[in-house]
Amino acid sequence: MEGNAACVDAIYDAVKAHEAYQNDFSGKPILIVLNNAPAHSQTEGLVRQSSDLVLLRLGPYSPMCNPIEGCFSALKTKIKSYLALRHDKMLGVPRGQMKNCACSFSRRQLSIAWLA
């Protein structure tokens, strides 16, 4: 929980120090969106209080309001399609080595996803 609060504090400090905020948004509130994960439940009480900081917790089951969820969804789709295309290669791996093979495929897919 303290790690989440430290992260929120660091984001707040970075935004306040950023040139774009200082030039165009000075005096405006800084909005940080938290999803409804249990790890965020105590974050609000641990964050350094500031009059221009607004923490917004999303409601339960609202991934459509959190843009990063779309990124994770796209990444999972790419990994699944990559693994599906290599299904035969994965079945040919000797027993006990599948975990190493799957990790290798996943690492390769991640590097491909970043290039796409």
Protein backbone atom coordinates (compact mmCIF):
# COMPACT_ATOMS: atom_id res chain seq x y z
CA MET A 1 0.00 0.00 0.00
CA GLU A 2 2.83 2.40 0.84
CA GLY A 3 4.37 1.68 -2.56
CA ASN A 4 1.18 2.77 -4.33
CA ALA A 5 1.04 5.97 -2.27
CA ALA A 6 4.70 6.68 -3.04
CA CYS A 7 3.97 6.17 -6.74
CA VAL A 8 1.03 8.60 -6.61
CA ASP A 9 3.21 11.14 -4.78
CA ALA A 10 5.95 10.73 -7.40
CA ILE A 11 3.46 11.21 -10.26
CA TYR A 12 2.07 14.31 -8.57
CA ASP A 13 5.56 15.77 -8.08
CA ALA A 14 6.53 15.00 -11.70
CA VAL A 15 3.39 16.66 -13.07
CA LYS A 16 3.87 19.74 -10.87
CA ALA A 17 7.49 20.06 -12.04
CA HIS A 18 6.71 19.53 -15.74
CA GLU A 19 7.06 22.56 -17.98
CA ALA A 20 3.72 21.94 -19.72
CA TYR A 21 1.86 21.96 -16.40
CA GLN A 22 3.63 25.09 -15.22
CA ASN A 23 3.01 26.95 -18.49
CA ASP A 24 -0.53 25.86 -19.36
CA PHE A 25 -2.20 24.31 -16.32
CA SER A 26 -0.74 26.02 -13.28
CA GLY A 27 -3.31 26.22 -10.50
CA LYS A 28 -5.51 23.51 -12.05
CA PRO A 29 -6.14 20.30 -10.12
CA ILE A 30 -4.12 17.20 -10.93
CA LEU A 31 -6.33 14.15 -11.45
CA ILE A 32 -4.91 10.68 -10.86
CA VAL A 33 -7.16 7.75 -11.72
CA LEU A 34 -6.94 4.56 -9.65
CA ASN A 35 -8.67 1.38 -10.70
CA ASN A 36 -10.68 -0.60 -8.20
CA ALA A 37 -7.91 -3.10 -7.45
CA PRO A 38 -7.73 -4.14 -3.78
CA ALA A 39 -4.13 -2.87 -3.67
CA HIS A 40 -5.44 0.67 -4.17
CA SER A 41 -8.05 0.55 -1.41
CA GLN A 42 -5.87 2.29 1.20
CA THR A 43 -3.86 4.49 -1.16
CA GLU A 44 -6.05 7.55 -0.66
CA GLY A 45 -5.32 7.65 3.06
CA LEU A 46 -1.57 7.24 2.60
CA VAL A 47 -1.02 9.84 -0.14
CA ARG A 48 0.41 13.21 0.80
CA GLN A 49 -2.56 15.60 1.02
CA SER A 50 -2.66 18.55 -1.35
CA SER A 51 -5.45 20.94 -2.29
CA ASP A 52 -4.83 20.48 -6.02
CA LEU A 53 -4.63 16.66 -6.03
CA VAL A 54 -7.77 14.72 -6.93
CA LEU A 55 -7.79 10.91 -6.70
CA LEU A 56 -10.55 9.26 -8.70
CA ARG A 57 -11.32 5.60 -8.05
CA LEU A 58 -13.06 3.81 -10.86
CA GLY A 59 -16.10 1.73 -10.05
CA PRO A 60 -15.97 -2.05 -9.95
CA TYR A 61 -15.85 -3.83 -13.30
CA SER A 62 -15.10 -0.72 -15.35
CA PRO A 63 -11.98 -1.60 -17.38
CA MET A 64 -13.43 0.39 -20.30
CA CYS A 65 -12.68 3.55 -18.30
CA ASN A 66 -9.01 2.63 -17.83
CA PRO A 67 -6.96 3.07 -21.05
CA ILE A 68 -4.15 0.75 -19.94
CA GLU A 69 -6.62 -2.16 -19.93
CA GLY A 70 -6.95 -1.77 -23.70
CA CYS A 71 -3.17 -2.03 -24.04
CA PHE A 72 -3.08 -5.18 -21.91
CA SER A 73 -5.93 -6.66 -23.94
CA ALA A 74 -4.12 -5.99 -27.23
CA LEU A 75 -0.89 -7.47 -25.85
CA LYS A 76 -2.66 -10.63 -24.63
CA THR A 77 -4.34 -11.01 -28.03
CA LYS A 78 -0.99 -10.77 -29.83
CA ILE A 79 0.63 -13.28 -27.49
CA LYS A 80 -2.25 -15.75 -27.87
CA SER A 81 -2.21 -15.53 -31.67
CA TYR A 82 1.58 -15.89 -31.72
CA LEU A 83 1.41 -19.00 -29.54
CA ALA A 84 -1.49 -20.42 -31.57
CA LEU A 85 0.57 -20.15 -34.76
CA ARG A 86 3.42 -22.02 -33.07
CA HIS A 87 1.25 -24.70 -31.49
CA ASP A 88 2.97 -27.52 -33.40
CA LYS A 89 6.43 -26.34 -32.37
CA MET A 90 5.34 -26.20 -28.75
CA LEU A 91 3.97 -29.75 -28.87
CA GLY A 92 7.34 -30.98 -30.15
CA VAL A 93 9.19 -29.75 -27.07
CA PRO A 94 10.42 -32.54 -24.76
CA ARG A 95 8.57 -32.95 -21.48
CA GLY A 96 10.01 -30.76 -18.72
CA GLN A 97 11.29 -28.10 -21.12
CA MET A 98 7.91 -26.57 -22.02
CA LYS A 99 8.20 -23.79 -19.45
CA ASN A 100 11.51 -22.60 -20.91
CA CYS A 101 10.08 -22.79 -24.40
CA ALA A 102 6.92 -20.85 -23.48
CA CYS A 103 8.98 -18.13 -21.78
CA SER A 104 11.18 -17.87 -24.84
CA PHE A 105 8.12 -17.54 -27.10
CA SER A 106 6.63 -14.90 -24.78
CA ARG A 107 9.84 -12.85 -24.69
CA ARG A 108 10.10 -12.98 -28.47
CA GLN A 109 6.44 -11.95 -28.83
CA LEU A 110 6.93 -9.01 -26.48
CA SER A 111 9.85 -7.75 -28.55
CA ILE A 112 7.75 -8.13 -31.73
CA ALA A 113 4.78 -6.36 -30.12
CA TRP A 114 6.93 -3.34 -29.30
CA LEU A 115 8.02 -3.10 -32.93
CA ALA A 116 4.47 -3.35 -34.33
